[in-house]
Every structure is written in C-alpha cells, then in structure tokens.
Amino acid sequence: MLRIEISNDFTLLLEHLVLDYNGTLAIDGKLIDGVKEMIETLSANLKVHVITANTFGSAHQNLADTNTSLVIINSGNEAQQKADFVNSLNPQAVVAIGNGANDALMLKLSALGIAVMQAEGVATQALMNADIACNSIIDALGLLLNPLRIAATLRV
C-alpha cells in the first residue's frame, strides 16, 4: 500500500496502479526505457495492472518479465472497459495513468488520475479528468516513488 498524506484531512491509501500501455508505457508498441525498473520498484507497494487493447501486439512480450497483471481488452468501447476494470478494484484505492481519450473515464474514477503527454500526445478529455499532468511516464512514476511531490502538487 502507498499512503500519501495530502493534508491533515485528506490521505490517499493506494493499493493498485492501473496503467495504459501504448502512448503511456510504450511508444509505437515499444516499452519506454526505464519503465520496467520503475514498475518493479513500485510493485513492492502497489499491485500493478496494465490494461490495453494491445494495438501493436507487443504488450505480452514487453511485459513478460515484470511484476504486472496484463489485462487485454477488446477493441471497441475501450473507455468503458477500462472504467469497469478500475471499478472492479475499488476506485478509491487506485492510481491510474494514461494519455488517451479512452483513458479519460478511468482517470476520473480513480482516487488519483495522472495524465502523461509524450510522443503520442494527450487527449484533452484525459487531461481534464486527471488530477495531475506530467511530461512523461518517467515523471509520473517518479511521483509515485517520491509521494511528497504528489502532496505538494495537490495541497490546497
């Protein structure tokens, strides 16, 4: 579990990390350098799930030696499938990271939603539904490895 105290009366108790794959962890189906190592470190405190329609067919191979649960969803209605998955985990215990329009609903439902803008860009719906926006997945995962950054960003 990852405990992040935002203020005296607001604490996040996170158990699950839900990650979009392409555009978030990977660009054009290729895992971004440094992601595997960061996921492995985070998996000591969070159950890591990668949810994808697997557009490039490379998710299984690229994540084979990581401590993740890979969830392949059907093409079509991906946004609802991702939201349903987050709902199945208890959204108040989920941090979700994504970049696409099909990630917007899961970012909104999660206790903490993080949008990333990388080579694929970020859909405005995802950006508007996120609690935090980052330049890269490395920065986003870095927030979870250094939770005081999250507290500083979200504190009012």
C-alpha atoms as a PDB file:
ATOM      1  CA  MET A   1       0.000   0.000   0.000  1.00  0.00           C
ATOM      2  CA  LEU A   2       1.108   3.538  -0.742  1.00  0.00           C
ATOM      3  CA  ARG A   3      -0.022   6.162   1.766  1.00  0.00           C
ATOM      4  CA  ILE A   4       0.099   9.772   0.605  1.00  0.00           C
ATOM      5  CA  GLU A   5      -0.932  12.438   3.093  1.00  0.00           C
ATOM      6  CA  ILE A   6      -2.131  15.410   1.062  1.00  0.00           C
ATOM      7  CA  SER A   7      -3.373  17.489   4.002  1.00  0.00           C
ATOM      8  CA  ASN A   8      -4.446  16.988   7.608  1.00  0.00           C
ATOM      9  CA  ASP A   9      -7.873  15.836   6.480  1.00  0.00           C
ATOM     10  CA  PHE A  10      -7.084  14.116   3.158  1.00  0.00           C
ATOM     11  CA  THR A  11      -4.945  10.998   2.731  1.00  0.00           C
ATOM     12  CA  LEU A  12      -4.726   8.703  -0.284  1.00  0.00           C
ATOM     13  CA  LEU A  13      -4.452   4.989   0.511  1.00  0.00           C
ATOM     14  CA  LEU A  14      -3.477   3.409  -2.788  1.00  0.00           C
ATOM     15  CA  GLU A  15      -3.300  -0.323  -3.442  1.00  0.00           C
ATOM     16  CA  HIS A  16      -3.454  -0.551  -7.248  1.00  0.00           C
ATOM     17  CA  LEU A  17      -1.603   1.127 -10.099  1.00  0.00           C
ATOM     18  CA  VAL A  18      -3.512   0.876 -13.393  1.00  0.00           C
ATOM     19  CA  LEU A  19      -1.506   1.780 -16.473  1.00  0.00           C
ATOM     20  CA  ASP A  20      -2.483   2.247 -20.098  1.00  0.00           C
ATOM     21  CA  TYR A  21       0.069   0.625 -22.388  1.00  0.00           C
ATOM     22  CA  ASN A  22       0.533   2.300 -25.766  1.00  0.00           C
ATOM     23  CA  GLY A  23       1.087   6.039 -25.562  1.00  0.00           C
ATOM     24  CA  THR A  24       1.724   5.719 -21.824  1.00  0.00           C
ATOM     25  CA  LEU A  25       4.233   2.906 -21.133  1.00  0.00           C
ATOM     26  CA  ALA A  26       5.161   2.366 -24.768  1.00  0.00           C
ATOM     27  CA  ILE A  27       5.531   4.380 -27.926  1.00  0.00           C
ATOM     28  CA  ASP A  28       4.590   2.572 -31.144  1.00  0.00           C
ATOM     29  CA  GLY A  29       4.452  -0.680 -29.176  1.00  0.00           C
ATOM     30  CA  LYS A  30       7.988  -0.349 -27.730  1.00  0.00           C
ATOM     31  CA  LEU A  31       8.373  -0.018 -23.961  1.00  0.00           C
ATOM     32  CA  ILE A  32       9.965   3.291 -22.949  1.00  0.00           C
ATOM     33  CA  ASP A  33      13.454   2.999 -21.441  1.00  0.00           C
ATOM     34  CA  GLY A  34      13.459   2.936 -17.644  1.00  0.00           C
ATOM     35  CA  VAL A  35       9.798   1.930 -17.259  1.00  0.00           C
ATOM     36  CA  LYS A  36      10.456  -1.723 -16.350  1.00  0.00           C
ATOM     37  CA  GLU A  37      12.765  -0.827 -13.493  1.00  0.00           C
ATOM     38  CA  MET A  38      10.361   1.754 -12.073  1.00  0.00           C
ATOM     39  CA  ILE A  39       7.416  -0.655 -12.279  1.00  0.00           C
ATOM     40  CA  GLU A  40       9.417  -3.297 -10.444  1.00  0.00           C
ATOM     41  CA  THR A  41      10.229  -0.856  -7.650  1.00  0.00           C
ATOM     42  CA  LEU A  42       6.596   0.281  -7.377  1.00  0.00           C
ATOM     43  CA  SER A  43       5.314  -3.304  -7.343  1.00  0.00           C
ATOM     44  CA  ALA A  44       6.688  -3.662  -3.811  1.00  0.00           C
ATOM     45  CA  ASN A  45       3.904  -1.321  -2.600  1.00  0.00           C
ATOM     46  CA  LEU A  46       1.247  -1.428  -5.330  1.00  0.00           C
ATOM     47  CA  LYS A  47      -0.358  -4.159  -7.381  1.00  0.00           C
ATOM     48  CA  VAL A  48       0.467  -3.100 -10.946  1.00  0.00           C
ATOM     49  CA  HIS A  49      -2.054  -3.675 -13.741  1.00  0.00           C
ATOM     50  CA  VAL A  50      -1.518  -2.844 -17.406  1.00  0.00           C
ATOM     51  CA  ILE A  51      -4.726  -2.560 -19.399  1.00  0.00           C
ATOM     52  CA  THR A  52      -4.605  -2.390 -23.183  1.00  0.00           C
ATOM     53  CA  ALA A  53      -6.261  -3.316 -26.442  1.00  0.00           C
ATOM     54  CA  ASN A  54      -2.713  -4.343 -27.457  1.00  0.00           C
ATOM     55  CA  THR A  55      -2.814  -2.483 -30.786  1.00  0.00           C
ATOM     56  CA  PHE A  56       0.749  -3.432 -31.729  1.00  0.00           C
ATOM     57  CA  GLY A  57       0.582  -6.950 -30.259  1.00  0.00           C
ATOM     58  CA  SER A  58       3.741  -6.419 -28.198  1.00  0.00           C
ATOM     59  CA  ALA A  59       2.449  -5.996 -24.650  1.00  0.00           C
ATOM     60  CA  HIS A  60       2.831  -9.672 -23.639  1.00  0.00           C
ATOM     61  CA  GLN A  61       6.411  -9.849 -24.828  1.00  0.00           C
ATOM     62  CA  ASN A  62       7.491  -6.468 -23.459  1.00  0.00           C
ATOM     63  CA  LEU A  63       5.980  -7.049 -20.018  1.00  0.00           C
ATOM     64  CA  ALA A  64       6.788 -10.772 -19.699  1.00  0.00           C
ATOM     65  CA  ASP A  65       9.464 -10.334 -17.043  1.00  0.00           C
ATOM     66  CA  THR A  66       7.720  -7.650 -14.987  1.00  0.00           C
ATOM     67  CA  ASN A  67       5.622  -7.956 -11.864  1.00  0.00           C
ATOM     68  CA  THR A  68       2.433  -6.813 -13.599  1.00  0.00           C
ATOM     69  CA  SER A  69      -1.013  -8.139 -14.309  1.00  0.00           C
ATOM     70  CA  LEU A  70      -1.696  -7.695 -18.044  1.00  0.00           C
ATOM     71  CA  VAL A  71      -5.339  -7.161 -18.990  1.00  0.00           C
ATOM     72  CA  ILE A  72      -6.131  -7.309 -22.712  1.00  0.00           C
ATOM     73  CA  ILE A  73      -9.420  -5.632 -23.571  1.00  0.00           C
ATOM     74  CA  ASN A  74     -11.440  -5.919 -26.750  1.00  0.00           C
ATOM     75  CA  SER A  75     -11.220  -3.332 -29.471  1.00  0.00           C
ATOM     76  CA  GLY A  76     -14.207  -1.019 -29.278  1.00  0.00           C
ATOM     77  CA  ASN A  77     -15.660   0.669 -26.209  1.00  0.00           C
ATOM     78  CA  GLU A  78     -12.228   0.658 -24.561  1.00  0.00           C
ATOM     79  CA  ALA A  79     -13.082   3.602 -22.289  1.00  0.00           C
ATOM     80  CA  GLN A  80     -15.918   1.710 -20.612  1.00  0.00           C
ATOM     81  CA  GLN A  81     -13.859  -1.482 -20.324  1.00  0.00           C
ATOM     82  CA  LYS A  82     -11.063   0.431 -18.587  1.00  0.00           C
ATOM     83  CA  ALA A  83     -13.562   2.146 -16.277  1.00  0.00           C
ATOM     84  CA  ASP A  84     -15.180  -1.194 -15.444  1.00  0.00           C
ATOM     85  CA  PHE A  85     -11.769  -2.611 -14.570  1.00  0.00           C
ATOM     86  CA  VAL A  86     -10.996   0.302 -12.222  1.00  0.00           C
ATOM     87  CA  ASN A  87     -14.430  -0.097 -10.632  1.00  0.00           C
ATOM     88  CA  SER A  88     -13.707  -3.795 -10.025  1.00  0.00           C
ATOM     89  CA  LEU A  89     -10.645  -2.858  -7.941  1.00  0.00           C
ATOM     90  CA  ASN A  90     -12.264  -0.230  -5.666  1.00  0.00           C
ATOM     91  CA  PRO A  91     -11.554   3.111  -7.347  1.00  0.00           C
ATOM     92  CA  GLN A  92     -10.674   4.804  -4.044  1.00  0.00           C
ATOM     93  CA  ALA A  93      -7.582   2.579  -3.857  1.00  0.00           C
ATOM     94  CA  VAL A  94      -6.461   3.145  -7.470  1.00  0.00           C
ATOM     95  CA  VAL A  95      -3.941   5.437  -9.095  1.00  0.00           C
ATOM     96  CA  ALA A  96      -4.342   5.385 -12.885  1.00  0.00           C
ATOM     97  CA  ILE A  97      -2.016   6.716 -15.565  1.00  0.00           C
ATOM     98  CA  GLY A  98      -2.943   7.249 -19.203  1.00  0.00           C
ATOM     99  CA  ASN A  99      -2.936   9.619 -22.138  1.00  0.00           C
ATOM    100  CA  GLY A 100      -5.789   8.751 -24.487  1.00  0.00           C
ATOM    101  CA  ALA A 101      -9.457   9.617 -24.767  1.00  0.00           C
ATOM    102  CA  ASN A 102     -10.150   6.004 -23.822  1.00  0.00           C
ATOM    103  CA  ASP A 103      -8.292   6.608 -20.532  1.00  0.00           C
ATOM    104  CA  ALA A 104     -10.317   9.671 -19.500  1.00  0.00           C
ATOM    105  CA  LEU A 105     -13.010   7.834 -17.571  1.00  0.00           C
ATOM    106  CA  MET A 106     -10.568   5.629 -15.634  1.00  0.00           C
ATOM    107  CA  LEU A 107      -8.552   8.735 -14.715  1.00  0.00           C
ATOM    108  CA  LYS A 108     -11.705  10.412 -13.422  1.00  0.00           C
ATOM    109  CA  LEU A 109     -12.893   7.374 -11.427  1.00  0.00           C
ATOM    110  CA  SER A 110      -9.544   6.679  -9.754  1.00  0.00           C
ATOM    111  CA  ALA A 111      -8.546   8.192  -6.436  1.00  0.00           C
ATOM    112  CA  LEU A 112      -5.579   9.668  -8.292  1.00  0.00           C
ATOM    113  CA  GLY A 113      -5.512  10.132 -12.054  1.00  0.00           C
ATOM    114  CA  ILE A 114      -2.309  11.120 -13.838  1.00  0.00           C
ATOM    115  CA  ALA A 115      -2.233  12.137 -17.500  1.00  0.00           C
ATOM    116  CA  VAL A 116       1.007  11.932 -19.468  1.00  0.00           C
ATOM    117  CA  MET A 117       1.924  13.816 -22.621  1.00  0.00           C
ATOM    118  CA  GLN A 118       4.561  12.073 -24.676  1.00  0.00           C
ATOM    119  CA  ALA A 119       5.165  11.403 -28.394  1.00  0.00           C
ATOM    120  CA  GLU A 120       1.527  10.371 -28.911  1.00  0.00           C
ATOM    121  CA  GLY A 121       0.221  13.482 -27.157  1.00  0.00           C
ATOM    122  CA  VAL A 122      -2.584  13.604 -24.622  1.00  0.00           C
ATOM    123  CA  ALA A 123      -6.310  13.749 -25.305  1.00  0.00           C
ATOM    124  CA  THR A 124      -7.954  16.810 -23.808  1.00  0.00           C
ATOM    125  CA  GLN A 125     -10.562  14.561 -22.139  1.00  0.00           C
ATOM    126  CA  ALA A 126      -7.789  12.667 -20.359  1.00  0.00           C
ATOM    127  CA  LEU A 127      -6.100  15.894 -19.337  1.00  0.00           C
ATOM    128  CA  MET A 128      -9.308  17.388 -17.971  1.00  0.00           C
ATOM    129  CA  ASN A 129     -10.141  14.247 -15.962  1.00  0.00           C
ATOM    130  CA  ALA A 130      -6.669  13.892 -14.430  1.00  0.00           C
ATOM    131  CA  ASP A 131      -5.632  15.220 -11.041  1.00  0.00           C
ATOM    132  CA  ILE A 132      -2.046  15.723 -12.216  1.00  0.00           C
ATOM    133  CA  ALA A 133      -0.430  16.069 -15.652  1.00  0.00           C
ATOM    134  CA  CYS A 134       3.164  15.022 -16.346  1.00  0.00           C
ATOM    135  CA  ASN A 135       5.561  15.357 -19.267  1.00  0.00           C
ATOM    136  CA  SER A 136       6.393  11.659 -19.340  1.00  0.00           C
ATOM    137  CA  ILE A 137       5.728   8.274 -17.808  1.00  0.00           C
ATOM    138  CA  ILE A 138       9.120   8.525 -16.109  1.00  0.00           C
ATOM    139  CA  ASP A 139       7.963  11.730 -14.390  1.00  0.00           C
ATOM    140  CA  ALA A 140       4.582  10.173 -13.483  1.00  0.00           C
ATOM    141  CA  LEU A 141       6.121   7.032 -11.983  1.00  0.00           C
ATOM    142  CA  GLY A 142       8.680   9.263 -10.268  1.00  0.00           C
ATOM    143  CA  LEU A 143       5.813  10.981  -8.446  1.00  0.00           C
ATOM    144  CA  LEU A 144       4.730   7.639  -7.009  1.00  0.00           C
ATOM    145  CA  LEU A 145       8.299   6.854  -5.971  1.00  0.00           C
ATOM    146  CA  ASN A 146       8.509  10.282  -4.292  1.00  0.00           C
ATOM    147  CA  PRO A 147       4.994  10.822  -2.876  1.00  0.00           C
ATOM    148  CA  LEU A 148       5.824  14.156  -1.252  1.00  0.00           C
ATOM    149  CA  ARG A 149       5.796  15.563  -4.799  1.00  0.00           C
ATOM    150  CA  ILE A 150       2.155  14.492  -5.117  1.00  0.00           C
ATOM    151  CA  ALA A 151       1.297  16.079  -1.773  1.00  0.00           C
ATOM    152  CA  ALA A 152       2.978  19.317  -2.842  1.00  0.00           C
ATOM    153  CA  THR A 153       1.105  19.346  -6.147  1.00  0.00           C
ATOM    154  CA  LEU A 154      -2.363  18.568  -4.754  1.00  0.00           C
ATOM    155  CA  ARG A 155      -2.219  20.532  -1.494  1.00  0.00           C
ATOM    156  CA  VAL A 156      -4.664  23.458  -1.385  1.00  0.00           C
END
